[in-house]
Amino acid sequence: MLDIKERDPLNNLVLEVLDDPSKKEMVFYLMCYSQLVRREGNPYVELEKFLSCAYRNFRNARNYWKDVLVEMNLFVISDLYGNIYSGKDIYRVEEGGIYLITIRSEYLGIFESISQKALRLWNILSRTMVYRKHLTAQDAVVISTMMFNEGLYEELKSYCEICVERYPRERGYFQLLYRLATLYLGQRSVSIKEIRDALQEAQNLGDVYYGFNIFKLKKDLENLLRRVEVGKSISPLKIEFINQRRKKGSWLRRMFSKFKDMIDKMFRRDKDKYFFEGALCSKSFQTLYTS
């Protein structure tokens, strides 16, 4: 069903970080670059400013920044003499010199899209909080579902291609997500048959799958099918998580829990909250590049 294709460095970066979330620092580098470009209105940023931004959240990142950039393969560094450093040539950059860093030319035209994807990916990684070297099937199910909810459809298709082979018991769910991502990538030409096929795949998963509300998803797909049948466009879908702990306990406990949730939302008490403009990411995470 799924063909593994050659992918560009940006897609490879997304897949590598999703496969090993401890490398999330690479996503933070993209966010730092994006913020500086927005602030200065120029795709060429001083390397020193760029590294200072990354250094804020990763204490020892300054010692390993060349390793990170080489592995990412997304940035190009230039000096005052017009010399260009990309790929492994970045190791030739001398400390203390005056350099500019920019994203590779083929990505300049889609800079806004890259910035949004980096932000959404960071959101997923921060909320999943997975530090295991090897992800479990449940980890992959949760991460892929959040990718769908965040609208990372193109990246989700590539991720599902890998997960289908890696987790054969969960093949049906990843195939469903792959089909749904395909629907939204080509939504201008969505056919009734495609939605019916997705609905059939959802039917095979039961009502709850790894804590996700498949019963509601099936109802949403039925509503989506009715919209397409009368010539309307498809609306966004979200796959919801069933918090089974909320179903237990007394009515007083449930009322207190709802009140606490309301207070948390009012005062934005989210330990993993990040801020893209101004101060990036209020919480530090250790990665393979830090000690």
C-alpha atoms as a PDB file:
ATOM      1  CA  MET A   1       0.000   0.000   0.000  1.00  0.00           C
ATOM      2  CA  LEU A   2       2.635   2.538   1.087  1.00  0.00           C
ATOM      3  CA  ASP A   3       5.799   3.276  -0.820  1.00  0.00           C
ATOM      4  CA  ILE A   4       8.820   4.632   1.024  1.00  0.00           C
ATOM      5  CA  LYS A   5      10.087   7.519  -1.094  1.00  0.00           C
ATOM      6  CA  GLU A   6      13.194   9.681  -1.004  1.00  0.00           C
ATOM      7  CA  ARG A   7      12.524  12.661   1.207  1.00  0.00           C
ATOM      8  CA  ASP A   8      14.025  16.136   1.426  1.00  0.00           C
ATOM      9  CA  PRO A   9      16.041  17.208   4.490  1.00  0.00           C
ATOM     10  CA  LEU A  10      13.064  18.999   6.066  1.00  0.00           C
ATOM     11  CA  ASN A  11      10.889  15.903   5.926  1.00  0.00           C
ATOM     12  CA  ASN A  12      13.773  13.783   7.147  1.00  0.00           C
ATOM     13  CA  LEU A  13      14.224  16.139  10.102  1.00  0.00           C
ATOM     14  CA  VAL A  14      10.571  15.781  11.113  1.00  0.00           C
ATOM     15  CA  LEU A  15      10.730  11.990  10.900  1.00  0.00           C
ATOM     16  CA  GLU A  16      14.006  11.780  12.806  1.00  0.00           C
ATOM     17  CA  VAL A  17      12.741  13.940  15.671  1.00  0.00           C
ATOM     18  CA  LEU A  18       9.457  12.017  15.831  1.00  0.00           C
ATOM     19  CA  ASP A  19      11.368   8.743  15.919  1.00  0.00           C
ATOM     20  CA  ASP A  20      13.663  10.032  18.670  1.00  0.00           C
ATOM     21  CA  PRO A  21      12.019  12.956  20.541  1.00  0.00           C
ATOM     22  CA  SER A  22      15.184  13.508  22.592  1.00  0.00           C
ATOM     23  CA  LYS A  23      16.477  15.290  19.474  1.00  0.00           C
ATOM     24  CA  LYS A  24      13.809  17.980  19.786  1.00  0.00           C
ATOM     25  CA  GLU A  25      16.595  20.571  20.046  1.00  0.00           C
ATOM     26  CA  MET A  26      16.733  20.552  16.253  1.00  0.00           C
ATOM     27  CA  VAL A  27      13.158  21.837  16.140  1.00  0.00           C
ATOM     28  CA  PHE A  28      14.089  24.550  18.614  1.00  0.00           C
ATOM     29  CA  TYR A  29      16.892  25.683  16.277  1.00  0.00           C
ATOM     30  CA  LEU A  30      14.284  26.185  13.549  1.00  0.00           C
ATOM     31  CA  MET A  31      12.079  28.152  15.939  1.00  0.00           C
ATOM     32  CA  CYS A  32      14.995  30.388  16.974  1.00  0.00           C
ATOM     33  CA  TYR A  33      15.879  31.120  13.364  1.00  0.00           C
ATOM     34  CA  SER A  34      12.256  31.842  12.519  1.00  0.00           C
ATOM     35  CA  GLN A  35      11.873  34.281  15.420  1.00  0.00           C
ATOM     36  CA  LEU A  36      15.028  36.185  14.478  1.00  0.00           C
ATOM     37  CA  VAL A  37      13.956  36.440  10.836  1.00  0.00           C
ATOM     38  CA  ARG A  38      10.565  37.819  11.876  1.00  0.00           C
ATOM     39  CA  ARG A  39      12.160  40.272  14.277  1.00  0.00           C
ATOM     40  CA  GLU A  40      14.794  41.588  11.868  1.00  0.00           C
ATOM     41  CA  GLY A  41      12.902  41.164   8.592  1.00  0.00           C
ATOM     42  CA  ASN A  42      15.881  39.514   6.937  1.00  0.00           C
ATOM     43  CA  PRO A  43      16.527  35.813   6.137  1.00  0.00           C
ATOM     44  CA  TYR A  44      20.239  36.366   6.877  1.00  0.00           C
ATOM     45  CA  VAL A  45      20.809  36.316  10.637  1.00  0.00           C
ATOM     46  CA  GLU A  46      24.005  36.838  12.616  1.00  0.00           C
ATOM     47  CA  LEU A  47      25.291  33.444  13.697  1.00  0.00           C
ATOM     48  CA  GLU A  48      26.102  34.785  17.168  1.00  0.00           C
ATOM     49  CA  LYS A  49      22.486  35.880  17.738  1.00  0.00           C
ATOM     50  CA  PHE A  50      21.229  32.553  16.462  1.00  0.00           C
ATOM     51  CA  LEU A  51      23.425  30.567  18.840  1.00  0.00           C
ATOM     52  CA  SER A  52      22.555  32.824  21.773  1.00  0.00           C
ATOM     53  CA  CYS A  53      18.874  32.060  21.184  1.00  0.00           C
ATOM     54  CA  ALA A  54      19.481  28.304  21.173  1.00  0.00           C
ATOM     55  CA  TYR A  55      21.833  28.533  24.150  1.00  0.00           C
ATOM     56  CA  ARG A  56      19.042  29.949  26.315  1.00  0.00           C
ATOM     57  CA  ASN A  57      17.250  26.619  26.607  1.00  0.00           C
ATOM     58  CA  PHE A  58      20.044  24.090  26.089  1.00  0.00           C
ATOM     59  CA  ARG A  59      22.855  24.897  28.483  1.00  0.00           C
ATOM     60  CA  ASN A  60      25.656  23.086  26.700  1.00  0.00           C
ATOM     61  CA  ALA A  61      24.285  23.439  23.185  1.00  0.00           C
ATOM     62  CA  ARG A  62      27.027  25.977  22.422  1.00  0.00           C
ATOM     63  CA  ASN A  63      29.563  23.137  22.463  1.00  0.00           C
ATOM     64  CA  TYR A  64      27.655  21.042  19.933  1.00  0.00           C
ATOM     65  CA  TRP A  65      25.970  23.495  17.586  1.00  0.00           C
ATOM     66  CA  LYS A  66      28.014  22.369  14.592  1.00  0.00           C
ATOM     67  CA  ASP A  67      26.939  18.754  15.119  1.00  0.00           C
ATOM     68  CA  VAL A  68      23.307  19.859  15.275  1.00  0.00           C
ATOM     69  CA  LEU A  69      23.451  21.988  12.115  1.00  0.00           C
ATOM     70  CA  VAL A  70      25.280  19.329  10.125  1.00  0.00           C
ATOM     71  CA  GLU A  71      22.714  16.703  11.100  1.00  0.00           C
ATOM     72  CA  MET A  72      19.822  19.023  10.253  1.00  0.00           C
ATOM     73  CA  ASN A  73      21.255  19.881   6.821  1.00  0.00           C
ATOM     74  CA  LEU A  74      18.852  22.822   6.509  1.00  0.00           C
ATOM     75  CA  PHE A  75      21.096  25.847   7.074  1.00  0.00           C
ATOM     76  CA  VAL A  76      23.883  27.614   5.200  1.00  0.00           C
ATOM     77  CA  ILE A  77      26.559  29.809   6.818  1.00  0.00           C
ATOM     78  CA  SER A  78      28.484  32.559   5.013  1.00  0.00           C
ATOM     79  CA  ASP A  79      31.366  34.855   6.038  1.00  0.00           C
ATOM     80  CA  LEU A  80      32.329  38.407   5.095  1.00  0.00           C
ATOM     81  CA  TYR A  81      34.441  37.148   2.200  1.00  0.00           C
ATOM     82  CA  GLY A  82      31.601  35.340   0.452  1.00  0.00           C
ATOM     83  CA  ASN A  83      32.649  31.851   1.502  1.00  0.00           C
ATOM     84  CA  ILE A  84      29.718  29.449   1.901  1.00  0.00           C
ATOM     85  CA  TYR A  85      29.595  26.646   4.461  1.00  0.00           C
ATOM     86  CA  SER A  86      26.944  23.936   4.263  1.00  0.00           C
ATOM     87  CA  GLY A  87      26.759  20.280   5.251  1.00  0.00           C
ATOM     88  CA  LYS A  88      30.015  19.038   6.756  1.00  0.00           C
ATOM     89  CA  ASP A  89      31.788  22.245   5.681  1.00  0.00           C
ATOM     90  CA  ILE A  90      30.148  23.867   8.719  1.00  0.00           C
ATOM     91  CA  TYR A  91      32.850  22.219  10.830  1.00  0.00           C
ATOM     92  CA  ARG A  92      35.297  24.629   9.141  1.00  0.00           C
ATOM     93  CA  VAL A  93      33.571  27.674  10.617  1.00  0.00           C
ATOM     94  CA  GLU A  94      35.955  29.323  13.089  1.00  0.00           C
ATOM     95  CA  GLU A  95      34.850  30.362  16.545  1.00  0.00           C
ATOM     96  CA  GLY A  96      34.697  34.098  17.154  1.00  0.00           C
ATOM     97  CA  GLY A  97      34.364  35.090  13.507  1.00  0.00           C
ATOM     98  CA  ILE A  98      31.574  37.162  11.979  1.00  0.00           C
ATOM     99  CA  TYR A  99      29.150  34.932  10.095  1.00  0.00           C
ATOM    100  CA  LEU A 100      25.604  34.966   8.792  1.00  0.00           C
ATOM    101  CA  ILE A 101      23.277  31.988   8.804  1.00  0.00           C
ATOM    102  CA  THR A 102      20.279  31.405   6.563  1.00  0.00           C
ATOM    103  CA  ILE A 103      17.988  28.572   5.636  1.00  0.00           C
ATOM    104  CA  ARG A 104      18.745  26.782   2.383  1.00  0.00           C
ATOM    105  CA  SER A 105      17.564  28.679  -0.696  1.00  0.00           C
ATOM    106  CA  GLU A 106      15.011  26.050  -1.738  1.00  0.00           C
ATOM    107  CA  TYR A 107      13.131  26.658   1.524  1.00  0.00           C
ATOM    108  CA  LEU A 108      13.066  30.462   1.487  1.00  0.00           C
ATOM    109  CA  GLY A 109       9.832  30.494  -0.510  1.00  0.00           C
ATOM    110  CA  ILE A 110       8.038  28.353   2.061  1.00  0.00           C
ATOM    111  CA  PHE A 111       9.509  29.979   5.149  1.00  0.00           C
ATOM    112  CA  GLU A 112       6.117  30.733   6.745  1.00  0.00           C
ATOM    113  CA  SER A 113       4.991  27.142   6.304  1.00  0.00           C
ATOM    114  CA  ILE A 114       8.215  25.845   7.866  1.00  0.00           C
ATOM    115  CA  SER A 115       7.824  28.191  10.840  1.00  0.00           C
ATOM    116  CA  GLN A 116       4.292  26.987  11.518  1.00  0.00           C
ATOM    117  CA  LYS A 117       5.285  23.337  11.163  1.00  0.00           C
ATOM    118  CA  ALA A 118       8.167  23.792  13.600  1.00  0.00           C
ATOM    119  CA  LEU A 119       5.831  25.369  16.139  1.00  0.00           C
ATOM    120  CA  ARG A 120       3.233  22.601  15.798  1.00  0.00           C
ATOM    121  CA  LEU A 121       5.880  19.893  16.012  1.00  0.00           C
ATOM    122  CA  TRP A 122       7.322  21.444  19.169  1.00  0.00           C
ATOM    123  CA  ASN A 123       3.844  21.516  20.632  1.00  0.00           C
ATOM    124  CA  ILE A 124       3.436  17.787  19.936  1.00  0.00           C
ATOM    125  CA  LEU A 125       6.821  16.867  21.379  1.00  0.00           C
ATOM    126  CA  SER A 126       6.315  19.014  24.485  1.00  0.00           C
ATOM    127  CA  ARG A 127       2.923  17.491  25.205  1.00  0.00           C
ATOM    128  CA  THR A 128       3.907  13.864  24.637  1.00  0.00           C
ATOM    129  CA  MET A 129       7.050  14.174  26.811  1.00  0.00           C
ATOM    130  CA  VAL A 130       8.526  10.916  25.511  1.00  0.00           C
ATOM    131  CA  TYR A 131      12.170  10.369  26.460  1.00  0.00           C
ATOM    132  CA  ARG A 132      12.559   6.689  25.612  1.00  0.00           C
ATOM    133  CA  LYS A 133      15.186   5.879  23.020  1.00  0.00           C
ATOM    134  CA  HIS A 134      12.836   3.411  21.327  1.00  0.00           C
ATOM    135  CA  LEU A 135       9.201   4.426  21.081  1.00  0.00           C
ATOM    136  CA  THR A 136       6.428   1.968  21.827  1.00  0.00           C
ATOM    137  CA  ALA A 137       3.406   1.367  19.617  1.00  0.00           C
ATOM    138  CA  GLN A 138       1.333   3.462  22.008  1.00  0.00           C
ATOM    139  CA  ASP A 139       3.804   6.343  21.717  1.00  0.00           C
ATOM    140  CA  ALA A 140       3.525   6.193  17.928  1.00  0.00           C
ATOM    141  CA  VAL A 141      -0.291   6.088  18.062  1.00  0.00           C
ATOM    142  CA  VAL A 142      -0.417   9.151  20.321  1.00  0.00           C
ATOM    143  CA  ILE A 143       2.151  11.124  18.315  1.00  0.00           C
ATOM    144  CA  SER A 144       0.537  10.336  14.960  1.00  0.00           C
ATOM    145  CA  THR A 145      -2.912  11.278  16.297  1.00  0.00           C
ATOM    146  CA  MET A 146      -1.598  14.618  17.527  1.00  0.00           C
ATOM    147  CA  MET A 147       0.017  15.212  14.134  1.00  0.00           C
ATOM    148  CA  PHE A 148      -3.386  14.718  12.522  1.00  0.00           C
ATOM    149  CA  ASN A 149      -5.041  17.083  14.982  1.00  0.00           C
ATOM    150  CA  GLU A 150      -2.329  19.690  14.350  1.00  0.00           C
ATOM    151  CA  GLY A 151      -2.870  19.473  10.591  1.00  0.00           C
ATOM    152  CA  LEU A 152       0.597  18.097   9.748  1.00  0.00           C
ATOM    153  CA  TYR A 153      -0.915  15.929   7.044  1.00  0.00           C
ATOM    154  CA  GLU A 154       2.066  15.659   4.697  1.00  0.00           C
ATOM    155  CA  GLU A 155       4.443  14.731   7.515  1.00  0.00           C
ATOM    156  CA  LEU A 156       1.860  12.369   8.973  1.00  0.00           C
ATOM    157  CA  LYS A 157       1.699  10.371   5.752  1.00  0.00           C
ATOM    158  CA  SER A 158       5.457   9.850   5.820  1.00  0.00           C
ATOM    159  CA  TYR A 159       5.357   8.914   9.508  1.00  0.00           C
ATOM    160  CA  CYS A 160       2.545   6.404   8.936  1.00  0.00           C
ATOM    161  CA  GLU A 161       4.539   4.770   6.143  1.00  0.00           C
ATOM    162  CA  ILE A 162       7.181   3.889   8.701  1.00  0.00           C
ATOM    163  CA  CYS A 163       4.775   2.965  11.508  1.00  0.00           C
ATOM    164  CA  VAL A 164       2.817   0.544   9.310  1.00  0.00           C
ATOM    165  CA  GLU A 165       5.968  -1.547   8.895  1.00  0.00           C
ATOM    166  CA  ARG A 166       7.256  -1.080  12.434  1.00  0.00           C
ATOM    167  CA  TYR A 167       4.022  -1.815  14.324  1.00  0.00           C
ATOM    168  CA  PRO A 168       2.066  -4.434  12.338  1.00  0.00           C
ATOM    169  CA  ARG A 169      -0.566  -4.936  15.066  1.00  0.00           C
ATOM    170  CA  GLU A 170      -1.512  -1.242  14.796  1.00  0.00           C
ATOM    171  CA  ARG A 171      -1.417  -1.280  11.004  1.00  0.00           C
ATOM    172  CA  GLY A 172      -5.152  -0.595  10.673  1.00  0.00           C
ATOM    173  CA  TYR A 173      -4.988   2.619  12.693  1.00  0.00           C
ATOM    174  CA  PHE A 174      -1.986   4.003  10.822  1.00  0.00           C
ATOM    175  CA  GLN A 175      -3.647   3.153   7.528  1.00  0.00           C
ATOM    176  CA  LEU A 176      -6.717   5.096   8.667  1.00  0.00           C
ATOM    177  CA  LEU A 177      -4.624   8.141   9.569  1.00  0.00           C
ATOM    178  CA  TYR A 178      -2.777   7.865   6.262  1.00  0.00           C
ATOM    179  CA  ARG A 179      -6.090   7.852   4.390  1.00  0.00           C
ATOM    180  CA  LEU A 180      -7.460  10.783   6.396  1.00  0.00           C
ATOM    181  CA  ALA A 181      -4.283  12.809   5.804  1.00  0.00           C
ATOM    182  CA  THR A 182      -4.596  12.099   2.078  1.00  0.00           C
ATOM    183  CA  LEU A 183      -8.201  13.328   2.167  1.00  0.00           C
ATOM    184  CA  TYR A 184      -7.224  16.686   3.627  1.00  0.00           C
ATOM    185  CA  LEU A 185      -4.209  17.167   1.384  1.00  0.00           C
ATOM    186  CA  GLY A 186      -6.417  16.748  -1.692  1.00  0.00           C
ATOM    187  CA  GLN A 187      -9.680  18.018  -0.241  1.00  0.00           C
ATOM    188  CA  ARG A 188     -10.696  19.856  -3.413  1.00  0.00           C
ATOM    189  CA  SER A 189     -11.205  16.515  -5.136  1.00  0.00           C
ATOM    190  CA  VAL A 190     -12.433  14.358  -2.253  1.00  0.00           C
ATOM    191  CA  SER A 191     -14.646  11.506  -3.433  1.00  0.00           C
ATOM    192  CA  ILE A 192     -17.505   9.831  -1.576  1.00  0.00           C
ATOM    193  CA  LYS A 193     -15.722   6.484  -1.963  1.00  0.00           C
ATOM    194  CA  GLU A 194     -12.622   7.764  -0.156  1.00  0.00           C
ATOM    195  CA  ILE A 195     -14.646   8.833   2.869  1.00  0.00           C
ATOM    196  CA  ARG A 196     -16.565   5.555   2.878  1.00  0.00           C
ATOM    197  CA  ASP A 197     -13.276   3.652   2.796  1.00  0.00           C
ATOM    198  CA  ALA A 198     -12.003   5.694   5.752  1.00  0.00           C
ATOM    199  CA  LEU A 199     -15.239   5.051   7.629  1.00  0.00           C
ATOM    200  CA  GLN A 200     -14.920   1.315   7.004  1.00  0.00           C
ATOM    201  CA  GLU A 201     -11.378   1.305   8.357  1.00  0.00           C
ATOM    202  CA  ALA A 202     -12.591   3.166  11.453  1.00  0.00           C
ATOM    203  CA  GLN A 203     -15.383   0.600  11.905  1.00  0.00           C
ATOM    204  CA  ASN A 204     -12.760  -2.141  12.171  1.00  0.00           C
ATOM    205  CA  LEU A 205     -11.120  -0.429  15.170  1.00  0.00           C
ATOM    206  CA  GLY A 206     -14.068  -0.578  17.561  1.00  0.00           C
ATOM    207  CA  ASP A 207     -15.216   2.364  19.668  1.00  0.00           C
ATOM    208  CA  VAL A 208     -12.057   3.097  21.686  1.00  0.00           C
ATOM    209  CA  TYR A 209      -8.502   2.613  20.451  1.00  0.00           C
ATOM    210  CA  TYR A 210      -5.541   3.275  22.751  1.00  0.00           C
ATOM    211  CA  GLY A 211      -7.750   5.707  24.651  1.00  0.00           C
ATOM    212  CA  PHE A 212      -8.923   7.599  21.559  1.00  0.00           C
ATOM    213  CA  ASN A 213     -12.621   8.078  20.869  1.00  0.00           C
ATOM    214  CA  ILE A 214     -13.140   6.148  17.629  1.00  0.00           C
ATOM    215  CA  PHE A 215     -16.904   6.076  18.203  1.00  0.00           C
ATOM    216  CA  LYS A 216     -17.020   9.881  17.849  1.00  0.00           C
ATOM    217  CA  LEU A 217     -14.617   9.771  14.907  1.00  0.00           C
ATOM    218  CA  LYS A 218     -16.999   7.418  13.085  1.00  0.00           C
ATOM    219  CA  LYS A 219     -19.894   9.809  13.744  1.00  0.00           C
ATOM    220  CA  ASP A 220     -17.793  12.698  12.447  1.00  0.00           C
ATOM    221  CA  LEU A 221     -16.925  10.731   9.299  1.00  0.00           C
ATOM    222  CA  GLU A 222     -20.610   9.980   8.733  1.00  0.00           C
ATOM    223  CA  ASN A 223     -21.365  13.709   8.969  1.00  0.00           C
ATOM    224  CA  LEU A 224     -18.461  14.392   6.615  1.00  0.00           C
ATOM    225  CA  LEU A 225     -19.883  11.885   4.151  1.00  0.00           C
ATOM    226  CA  ARG A 226     -23.276  13.615   4.211  1.00  0.00           C
ATOM    227  CA  ARG A 227     -21.617  16.977   3.508  1.00  0.00           C
ATOM    228  CA  VAL A 228     -19.778  15.632   0.480  1.00  0.00           C
ATOM    229  CA  GLU A 229     -22.902  13.902  -0.819  1.00  0.00           C
ATOM    230  CA  VAL A 230     -24.708  17.265  -1.019  1.00  0.00           C
ATOM    231  CA  GLY A 231     -21.722  18.992  -2.597  1.00  0.00           C
ATOM    232  CA  LYS A 232     -20.285  20.766   0.472  1.00  0.00           C
ATOM    233  CA  SER A 233     -16.611  21.026   1.355  1.00  0.00           C
ATOM    234  CA  ILE A 234     -15.147  18.843   4.086  1.00  0.00           C
ATOM    235  CA  SER A 235     -14.680  20.311   7.557  1.00  0.00           C
ATOM    236  CA  PRO A 236     -11.674  19.691   9.857  1.00  0.00           C
ATOM    237  CA  LEU A 237     -11.749  16.595  12.066  1.00  0.00           C
ATOM    238  CA  LYS A 238     -10.193  16.135  15.492  1.00  0.00           C
ATOM    239  CA  ILE A 239      -9.602  12.771  17.152  1.00  0.00           C
ATOM    240  CA  GLU A 240     -10.423  13.119  20.829  1.00  0.00           C
ATOM    241  CA  PHE A 241      -8.840  11.354  23.770  1.00  0.00           C
ATOM    242  CA  ILE A 242     -11.057   9.700  26.375  1.00  0.00           C
ATOM    243  CA  ASN A 243      -9.838  10.529  29.876  1.00  0.00           C
ATOM    244  CA  GLN A 244     -11.187   7.490  31.669  1.00  0.00           C
ATOM    245  CA  ARG A 245     -10.110   8.785  35.054  1.00  0.00           C
ATOM    246  CA  ARG A 246     -12.671  11.569  34.787  1.00  0.00           C
ATOM    247  CA  LYS A 247     -15.458   8.975  34.598  1.00  0.00           C
ATOM    248  CA  LYS A 248     -14.680   7.622  38.071  1.00  0.00           C
ATOM    249  CA  GLY A 249     -15.203   9.152  41.490  1.00  0.00           C
ATOM    250  CA  SER A 250     -17.979  11.054  43.174  1.00  0.00           C
ATOM    251  CA  TRP A 251     -19.955  13.890  41.606  1.00  0.00           C
ATOM    252  CA  LEU A 252     -18.219  16.282  44.015  1.00  0.00           C
ATOM    253  CA  ARG A 253     -14.804  15.166  42.760  1.00  0.00           C
ATOM    254  CA  ARG A 254     -15.929  15.612  39.151  1.00  0.00           C
ATOM    255  CA  MET A 255     -17.263  19.112  39.906  1.00  0.00           C
ATOM    256  CA  PHE A 256     -13.989  20.053  41.605  1.00  0.00           C
ATOM    257  CA  SER A 257     -12.012  18.715  38.639  1.00  0.00           C
ATOM    258  CA  LYS A 258     -14.091  20.767  36.186  1.00  0.00           C
ATOM    259  CA  PHE A 259     -13.635  23.874  38.334  1.00  0.00           C
ATOM    260  CA  LYS A 260      -9.864  23.303  38.474  1.00  0.00           C
ATOM    261  CA  ASP A 261      -9.724  22.917  34.675  1.00  0.00           C
ATOM    262  CA  MET A 262     -11.572  26.208  34.286  1.00  0.00           C
ATOM    263  CA  ILE A 263      -9.124  27.996  36.597  1.00  0.00           C
ATOM    264  CA  ASP A 264      -6.150  26.484  34.752  1.00  0.00           C
ATOM    265  CA  LYS A 265      -7.481  27.790  31.447  1.00  0.00           C
ATOM    266  CA  MET A 266      -8.166  31.257  32.869  1.00  0.00           C
ATOM    267  CA  PHE A 267      -4.664  31.637  34.291  1.00  0.00           C
ATOM    268  CA  ARG A 268      -2.907  29.599  31.557  1.00  0.00           C
ATOM    269  CA  ARG A 269      -1.345  27.223  34.077  1.00  0.00           C
ATOM    270  CA  ASP A 270       0.304  24.986  31.549  1.00  0.00           C
ATOM    271  CA  LYS A 271       3.738  23.726  32.554  1.00  0.00           C
ATOM    272  CA  ASP A 272       4.622  22.901  28.966  1.00  0.00           C
ATOM    273  CA  LYS A 273       3.350  26.185  27.503  1.00  0.00           C
ATOM    274  CA  TYR A 274       5.672  27.735  24.956  1.00  0.00           C
ATOM    275  CA  PHE A 275       5.760  31.216  23.517  1.00  0.00           C
ATOM    276  CA  PHE A 276       6.925  31.702  19.966  1.00  0.00           C
ATOM    277  CA  GLU A 277       7.332  35.485  20.002  1.00  0.00           C
ATOM    278  CA  GLY A 278       9.540  37.123  22.633  1.00  0.00           C
ATOM    279  CA  ALA A 279      10.780  34.370  24.941  1.00  0.00           C
ATOM    280  CA  LEU A 280      10.953  31.001  23.258  1.00  0.00           C
ATOM    281  CA  CYS A 281       9.850  27.958  25.219  1.00  0.00           C
ATOM    282  CA  SER A 282       9.587  28.404  28.944  1.00  0.00           C
ATOM    283  CA  LYS A 283      10.842  24.906  29.751  1.00  0.00           C
ATOM    284  CA  SER A 284      14.278  23.435  29.002  1.00  0.00           C
ATOM    285  CA  PHE A 285      14.809  19.900  27.812  1.00  0.00           C
ATOM    286  CA  GLN A 286      18.017  17.893  27.713  1.00  0.00           C
ATOM    287  CA  THR A 287      18.861  16.304  24.398  1.00  0.00           C
ATOM    288  CA  LEU A 288      21.514  14.074  22.930  1.00  0.00           C
ATOM    289  CA  TYR A 289      23.552  17.217  22.387  1.00  0.00           C
ATOM    290  CA  THR A 290      23.602  18.242  26.034  1.00  0.00           C
ATOM    291  CA  SER A 291      25.249  16.673  29.023  1.00  0.00           C
END
